[in-house]
N, C-alpha and C. Protein backbone atom coordinates (compact mmCIF):
# COMPACT_ATOMS: atom_id res chain seq x y z
N UNK A 1 5.61 -18.59 -29.41
CA UNK A 1 5.97 -19.24 -28.16
C UNK A 1 6.80 -18.30 -27.29
N UNK A 2 7.79 -17.61 -27.91
CA UNK A 2 8.62 -16.70 -27.14
C UNK A 2 7.78 -15.57 -26.55
N UNK A 3 6.80 -15.06 -27.34
CA UNK A 3 5.99 -13.96 -26.83
C UNK A 3 5.12 -14.41 -25.66
N UNK A 4 4.63 -15.65 -25.71
CA UNK A 4 3.83 -16.18 -24.61
C UNK A 4 4.67 -16.31 -23.35
N UNK A 5 5.88 -16.82 -23.48
CA UNK A 5 6.78 -16.95 -22.34
C UNK A 5 7.14 -15.57 -21.79
N UNK A 6 7.45 -14.64 -22.67
CA UNK A 6 7.81 -13.29 -22.23
C UNK A 6 6.64 -12.63 -21.51
N UNK A 7 5.43 -12.82 -22.04
CA UNK A 7 4.27 -12.22 -21.40
C UNK A 7 4.02 -12.85 -20.04
N UNK A 8 4.15 -14.16 -19.93
CA UNK A 8 3.98 -14.84 -18.65
C UNK A 8 4.96 -14.33 -17.61
N UNK A 9 6.20 -14.16 -18.01
CA UNK A 9 7.22 -13.62 -17.09
C UNK A 9 6.89 -12.20 -16.69
N UNK A 10 6.39 -11.40 -17.64
CA UNK A 10 6.00 -10.03 -17.34
C UNK A 10 4.89 -10.00 -16.29
N UNK A 11 3.88 -10.86 -16.43
CA UNK A 11 2.80 -10.91 -15.45
C UNK A 11 3.30 -11.28 -14.07
N UNK A 12 4.22 -12.22 -14.01
CA UNK A 12 4.79 -12.63 -12.71
C UNK A 12 5.53 -11.46 -12.06
N UNK A 13 6.32 -10.75 -12.84
CA UNK A 13 7.06 -9.60 -12.32
C UNK A 13 6.10 -8.51 -11.87
N UNK A 14 5.10 -8.20 -12.70
CA UNK A 14 4.15 -7.15 -12.34
C UNK A 14 3.34 -7.53 -11.11
N UNK A 15 2.96 -8.79 -10.99
CA UNK A 15 2.21 -9.23 -9.81
C UNK A 15 3.03 -9.04 -8.55
N UNK A 16 4.33 -9.27 -8.63
CA UNK A 16 5.21 -9.07 -7.48
C UNK A 16 5.34 -7.61 -7.10
N UNK A 17 5.14 -6.72 -8.07
CA UNK A 17 5.24 -5.28 -7.84
C UNK A 17 3.88 -4.64 -7.65
N UNK A 18 2.84 -5.40 -7.70
CA UNK A 18 1.49 -4.88 -7.63
C UNK A 18 1.20 -4.24 -6.28
N UNK A 19 0.41 -3.16 -6.29
CA UNK A 19 0.00 -2.55 -5.02
C UNK A 19 -1.14 -3.30 -4.35
N UNK A 20 -1.65 -4.37 -4.98
CA UNK A 20 -2.82 -5.07 -4.45
C UNK A 20 -2.61 -5.54 -3.01
N UNK A 21 -1.53 -6.26 -2.68
CA UNK A 21 -1.39 -6.71 -1.28
C UNK A 21 -1.41 -5.56 -0.26
N UNK A 22 -0.77 -4.47 -0.57
CA UNK A 22 -0.78 -3.33 0.34
C UNK A 22 -2.17 -2.72 0.47
N UNK A 23 -2.87 -2.64 -0.67
CA UNK A 23 -4.23 -2.10 -0.63
C UNK A 23 -5.15 -2.97 0.21
N UNK A 24 -5.07 -4.27 0.01
CA UNK A 24 -5.99 -5.16 0.73
C UNK A 24 -5.63 -5.29 2.20
N UNK A 25 -4.35 -5.33 2.52
CA UNK A 25 -3.97 -5.46 3.93
C UNK A 25 -4.36 -4.22 4.74
N UNK A 26 -4.50 -3.08 4.09
CA UNK A 26 -4.92 -1.86 4.78
C UNK A 26 -6.35 -1.98 5.32
N UNK A 27 -7.14 -2.91 4.79
CA UNK A 27 -8.51 -3.10 5.25
C UNK A 27 -8.59 -3.97 6.50
N UNK A 28 -7.53 -4.68 6.84
CA UNK A 28 -7.56 -5.53 8.02
C UNK A 28 -7.80 -4.67 9.25
N UNK A 29 -8.81 -5.04 10.04
CA UNK A 29 -9.18 -4.27 11.23
C UNK A 29 -10.29 -3.27 10.97
N UNK A 30 -10.64 -3.05 9.70
CA UNK A 30 -11.71 -2.11 9.35
C UNK A 30 -13.06 -2.81 9.47
N UNK A 31 -14.11 -2.02 9.49
CA UNK A 31 -15.47 -2.57 9.51
C UNK A 31 -15.88 -2.96 8.09
N UNK A 32 -16.59 -4.08 8.00
CA UNK A 32 -17.08 -4.56 6.71
C UNK A 32 -17.91 -3.50 5.99
N UNK A 33 -18.74 -2.78 6.73
CA UNK A 33 -19.59 -1.75 6.13
C UNK A 33 -18.79 -0.67 5.41
N UNK A 34 -17.63 -0.32 5.95
CA UNK A 34 -16.77 0.68 5.30
C UNK A 34 -16.28 0.17 3.95
N UNK A 35 -15.87 -1.10 3.91
CA UNK A 35 -15.40 -1.69 2.66
C UNK A 35 -16.52 -1.73 1.62
N UNK A 36 -17.69 -2.22 2.02
CA UNK A 36 -18.81 -2.32 1.08
C UNK A 36 -19.23 -0.94 0.59
N UNK A 37 -19.23 0.05 1.47
CA UNK A 37 -19.59 1.41 1.06
C UNK A 37 -18.63 1.94 -0.01
N UNK A 38 -17.38 1.53 0.06
CA UNK A 38 -16.38 2.05 -0.88
C UNK A 38 -16.32 1.26 -2.19
N UNK A 39 -16.40 -0.07 -2.12
CA UNK A 39 -16.19 -0.87 -3.33
C UNK A 39 -17.46 -1.51 -3.88
N UNK A 40 -18.55 -1.47 -3.13
CA UNK A 40 -19.79 -2.08 -3.58
C UNK A 40 -20.00 -3.45 -2.94
N UNK A 41 -21.18 -4.02 -3.19
CA UNK A 41 -21.50 -5.30 -2.56
C UNK A 41 -20.65 -6.45 -3.10
N UNK A 42 -20.45 -7.48 -2.27
CA UNK A 42 -19.65 -8.62 -2.72
C UNK A 42 -20.39 -9.44 -3.77
N UNK A 43 -19.63 -10.24 -4.50
CA UNK A 43 -20.20 -11.16 -5.48
C UNK A 43 -20.80 -12.38 -4.81
N UNK A 44 -20.21 -12.79 -3.68
CA UNK A 44 -20.67 -13.98 -2.96
C UNK A 44 -20.21 -13.91 -1.51
N UNK A 45 -20.87 -14.70 -0.66
CA UNK A 45 -20.51 -14.81 0.76
C UNK A 45 -20.49 -16.29 1.11
N UNK A 46 -19.47 -16.71 1.85
CA UNK A 46 -19.39 -18.10 2.31
C UNK A 46 -19.02 -18.09 3.79
N UNK A 47 -19.16 -19.25 4.44
CA UNK A 47 -18.85 -19.38 5.86
C UNK A 47 -18.04 -20.66 6.07
N UNK A 48 -17.02 -20.59 6.94
CA UNK A 48 -16.25 -21.81 7.23
C UNK A 48 -16.84 -22.51 8.46
N UNK A 49 -16.22 -23.61 8.85
CA UNK A 49 -16.72 -24.42 9.98
C UNK A 49 -16.66 -23.69 11.32
N UNK A 50 -15.78 -22.70 11.43
CA UNK A 50 -15.66 -21.95 12.68
C UNK A 50 -16.62 -20.77 12.73
N UNK A 51 -17.36 -20.54 11.67
CA UNK A 51 -18.32 -19.44 11.64
C UNK A 51 -17.79 -18.14 11.05
N UNK A 52 -16.55 -18.12 10.59
CA UNK A 52 -16.02 -16.93 9.94
C UNK A 52 -16.68 -16.77 8.58
N UNK A 53 -17.16 -15.58 8.30
CA UNK A 53 -17.76 -15.30 6.99
C UNK A 53 -16.68 -14.77 6.06
N UNK A 54 -16.77 -15.19 4.81
CA UNK A 54 -15.85 -14.73 3.78
C UNK A 54 -16.65 -14.03 2.69
N UNK A 55 -16.27 -12.80 2.43
CA UNK A 55 -16.92 -11.99 1.40
C UNK A 55 -16.02 -11.96 0.18
N UNK A 56 -16.57 -12.37 -0.96
CA UNK A 56 -15.80 -12.53 -2.19
C UNK A 56 -16.22 -11.49 -3.23
N UNK A 57 -15.24 -10.87 -3.82
CA UNK A 57 -15.47 -9.98 -4.95
C UNK A 57 -14.75 -10.57 -6.15
N UNK A 58 -15.52 -10.93 -7.19
CA UNK A 58 -14.95 -11.47 -8.42
C UNK A 58 -14.93 -10.36 -9.46
N UNK A 59 -13.85 -10.30 -10.19
CA UNK A 59 -13.73 -9.27 -11.23
C UNK A 59 -13.21 -9.93 -12.50
N UNK A 60 -13.90 -9.68 -13.61
CA UNK A 60 -13.47 -10.17 -14.92
C UNK A 60 -13.44 -8.98 -15.85
N UNK A 61 -12.25 -8.53 -16.17
CA UNK A 61 -12.09 -7.36 -17.03
C UNK A 61 -12.09 -7.72 -18.51
N UNK A 62 -12.22 -9.00 -18.81
CA UNK A 62 -12.25 -9.45 -20.19
C UNK A 62 -10.87 -9.55 -20.80
N UNK A 63 -10.85 -9.80 -22.09
CA UNK A 63 -9.58 -9.96 -22.79
C UNK A 63 -9.01 -8.61 -23.21
N UNK A 64 -7.71 -8.49 -23.04
CA UNK A 64 -6.99 -7.30 -23.49
C UNK A 64 -5.79 -7.76 -24.31
N UNK A 65 -5.37 -6.91 -25.21
CA UNK A 65 -4.20 -7.21 -26.02
C UNK A 65 -2.97 -6.72 -25.28
N UNK A 66 -2.00 -7.60 -25.12
CA UNK A 66 -0.78 -7.22 -24.41
C UNK A 66 0.42 -7.95 -24.99
N UNK A 67 1.37 -7.22 -25.50
CA UNK A 67 2.64 -7.77 -25.99
C UNK A 67 2.46 -8.96 -26.92
N UNK A 68 1.66 -8.77 -27.95
CA UNK A 68 1.53 -9.79 -28.99
C UNK A 68 0.51 -10.88 -28.72
N UNK A 69 -0.32 -10.74 -27.72
CA UNK A 69 -1.31 -11.77 -27.46
C UNK A 69 -2.46 -11.27 -26.60
N UNK A 70 -3.50 -12.04 -26.58
CA UNK A 70 -4.67 -11.72 -25.76
C UNK A 70 -4.52 -12.37 -24.39
N UNK A 71 -4.95 -11.67 -23.38
CA UNK A 71 -4.96 -12.24 -22.03
C UNK A 71 -6.27 -11.84 -21.37
N UNK A 72 -6.84 -12.76 -20.61
CA UNK A 72 -8.08 -12.48 -19.90
C UNK A 72 -7.72 -12.04 -18.49
N UNK A 73 -8.08 -10.82 -18.14
CA UNK A 73 -7.79 -10.29 -16.81
C UNK A 73 -8.95 -10.60 -15.87
N UNK A 74 -8.67 -11.39 -14.85
CA UNK A 74 -9.69 -11.70 -13.85
C UNK A 74 -9.02 -11.93 -12.51
N UNK A 75 -9.77 -11.64 -11.45
CA UNK A 75 -9.22 -11.85 -10.12
C UNK A 75 -10.34 -12.03 -9.10
N UNK A 76 -9.94 -12.48 -7.92
CA UNK A 76 -10.86 -12.63 -6.80
C UNK A 76 -10.19 -12.02 -5.57
N UNK A 77 -10.95 -11.18 -4.88
CA UNK A 77 -10.51 -10.62 -3.61
C UNK A 77 -11.46 -11.17 -2.54
N UNK A 78 -10.91 -11.70 -1.45
CA UNK A 78 -11.72 -12.30 -0.40
C UNK A 78 -11.31 -11.71 0.94
N UNK A 79 -12.31 -11.37 1.75
CA UNK A 79 -12.06 -10.83 3.09
C UNK A 79 -12.77 -11.70 4.12
N UNK A 80 -12.03 -12.13 5.15
CA UNK A 80 -12.61 -12.86 6.27
C UNK A 80 -13.10 -11.85 7.29
N UNK A 81 -14.29 -12.10 7.83
CA UNK A 81 -14.92 -11.14 8.75
C UNK A 81 -15.42 -11.89 9.98
N UNK A 82 -15.16 -11.34 11.17
CA UNK A 82 -15.60 -11.98 12.41
C UNK A 82 -17.06 -11.60 12.73
N UNK A 83 -17.55 -12.10 13.85
CA UNK A 83 -18.95 -11.86 14.25
C UNK A 83 -19.25 -10.39 14.47
N UNK A 84 -18.24 -9.60 14.80
CA UNK A 84 -18.42 -8.16 14.99
C UNK A 84 -18.32 -7.36 13.70
N UNK A 85 -18.26 -8.07 12.56
CA UNK A 85 -18.15 -7.47 11.23
C UNK A 85 -16.86 -6.66 11.05
N UNK A 86 -15.79 -7.17 11.68
CA UNK A 86 -14.46 -6.60 11.53
C UNK A 86 -13.67 -7.50 10.59
N UNK A 87 -12.97 -6.91 9.63
CA UNK A 87 -12.16 -7.67 8.68
C UNK A 87 -10.94 -8.22 9.41
N UNK A 88 -10.78 -9.54 9.36
CA UNK A 88 -9.68 -10.20 10.08
C UNK A 88 -8.65 -10.81 9.14
N UNK A 89 -9.00 -11.00 7.87
CA UNK A 89 -8.06 -11.59 6.92
C UNK A 89 -8.45 -11.20 5.50
N UNK A 90 -7.53 -11.41 4.59
CA UNK A 90 -7.80 -11.14 3.19
C UNK A 90 -6.97 -12.08 2.32
N UNK A 91 -7.42 -12.27 1.10
CA UNK A 91 -6.62 -13.00 0.11
C UNK A 91 -6.95 -12.46 -1.26
N UNK A 92 -6.06 -12.73 -2.19
CA UNK A 92 -6.22 -12.24 -3.54
C UNK A 92 -5.62 -13.26 -4.49
N UNK A 93 -6.31 -13.52 -5.58
CA UNK A 93 -5.76 -14.39 -6.61
C UNK A 93 -6.17 -13.84 -7.97
N UNK A 94 -5.35 -14.08 -8.95
CA UNK A 94 -5.66 -13.63 -10.30
C UNK A 94 -4.58 -12.74 -10.85
N UNK A 95 -4.92 -12.06 -11.93
CA UNK A 95 -3.93 -11.23 -12.61
C UNK A 95 -4.39 -9.80 -12.82
N UNK A 96 -5.41 -9.34 -12.11
CA UNK A 96 -5.80 -7.94 -12.19
C UNK A 96 -4.80 -7.11 -11.38
N UNK A 97 -4.37 -6.03 -11.95
CA UNK A 97 -3.43 -5.16 -11.26
C UNK A 97 -4.15 -3.88 -10.86
N UNK A 98 -4.20 -3.60 -9.58
CA UNK A 98 -4.89 -2.41 -9.08
C UNK A 98 -4.01 -1.18 -9.26
N UNK A 99 -4.64 -0.11 -9.59
CA UNK A 99 -3.94 1.18 -9.70
C UNK A 99 -3.97 1.87 -8.34
N UNK A 100 -3.04 2.79 -8.10
CA UNK A 100 -3.02 3.49 -6.82
C UNK A 100 -4.33 4.22 -6.50
N UNK A 101 -5.09 4.63 -7.53
CA UNK A 101 -6.36 5.33 -7.27
C UNK A 101 -7.55 4.37 -7.34
N UNK A 102 -7.29 3.08 -7.18
CA UNK A 102 -8.31 2.05 -7.21
C UNK A 102 -9.30 2.24 -6.06
N UNK A 103 -10.56 1.83 -6.23
CA UNK A 103 -11.50 1.90 -5.10
C UNK A 103 -11.09 0.98 -3.95
N UNK A 104 -10.18 0.04 -4.22
CA UNK A 104 -9.71 -0.86 -3.17
C UNK A 104 -8.69 -0.18 -2.26
N UNK A 105 -8.23 1.00 -2.62
CA UNK A 105 -7.28 1.76 -1.81
C UNK A 105 -8.03 2.35 -0.63
N UNK A 106 -7.71 1.93 0.58
CA UNK A 106 -8.38 2.46 1.77
C UNK A 106 -7.73 3.78 2.15
N UNK A 107 -8.58 4.77 2.36
CA UNK A 107 -8.10 6.08 2.78
C UNK A 107 -8.24 6.22 4.27
N UNK A 108 -7.29 6.88 4.92
CA UNK A 108 -7.42 7.11 6.35
C UNK A 108 -8.70 7.87 6.65
N UNK A 109 -9.29 7.63 7.81
CA UNK A 109 -10.54 8.29 8.19
C UNK A 109 -10.43 9.80 8.03
N UNK A 110 -11.47 10.37 7.45
CA UNK A 110 -11.53 11.82 7.32
C UNK A 110 -10.85 12.36 6.08
N UNK A 111 -10.33 11.51 5.19
CA UNK A 111 -9.72 12.01 3.97
C UNK A 111 -10.60 11.68 2.78
N UNK A 112 -10.47 12.44 1.74
CA UNK A 112 -11.24 12.22 0.51
C UNK A 112 -10.46 11.33 -0.42
N UNK A 113 -11.19 10.66 -1.30
CA UNK A 113 -10.55 9.85 -2.33
C UNK A 113 -10.07 10.72 -3.45
């Protein structure tokens, strides 16, 4: 029980320190094609009542052993895109932690990954 609580607290702390929000917010204002070229095609696409399209990327890294227990790493990244295919919003949920060299890291135009 103590190890489960400790692991849960560790995930909360790591999520707060995760580079994911910074990585995803860097895509706001970018063209959808640039994102797809870098990370691959989305898992799903949906549309809201106002006509905004949402592109969803689901990731399931499976179970990993961490601090005395198994945890299933999975997350969803979603980008809202306007009619001009410009990214206008993003959201992220789950417990996947992106590394600084992640494909989700947007590089300034003209730089290499």
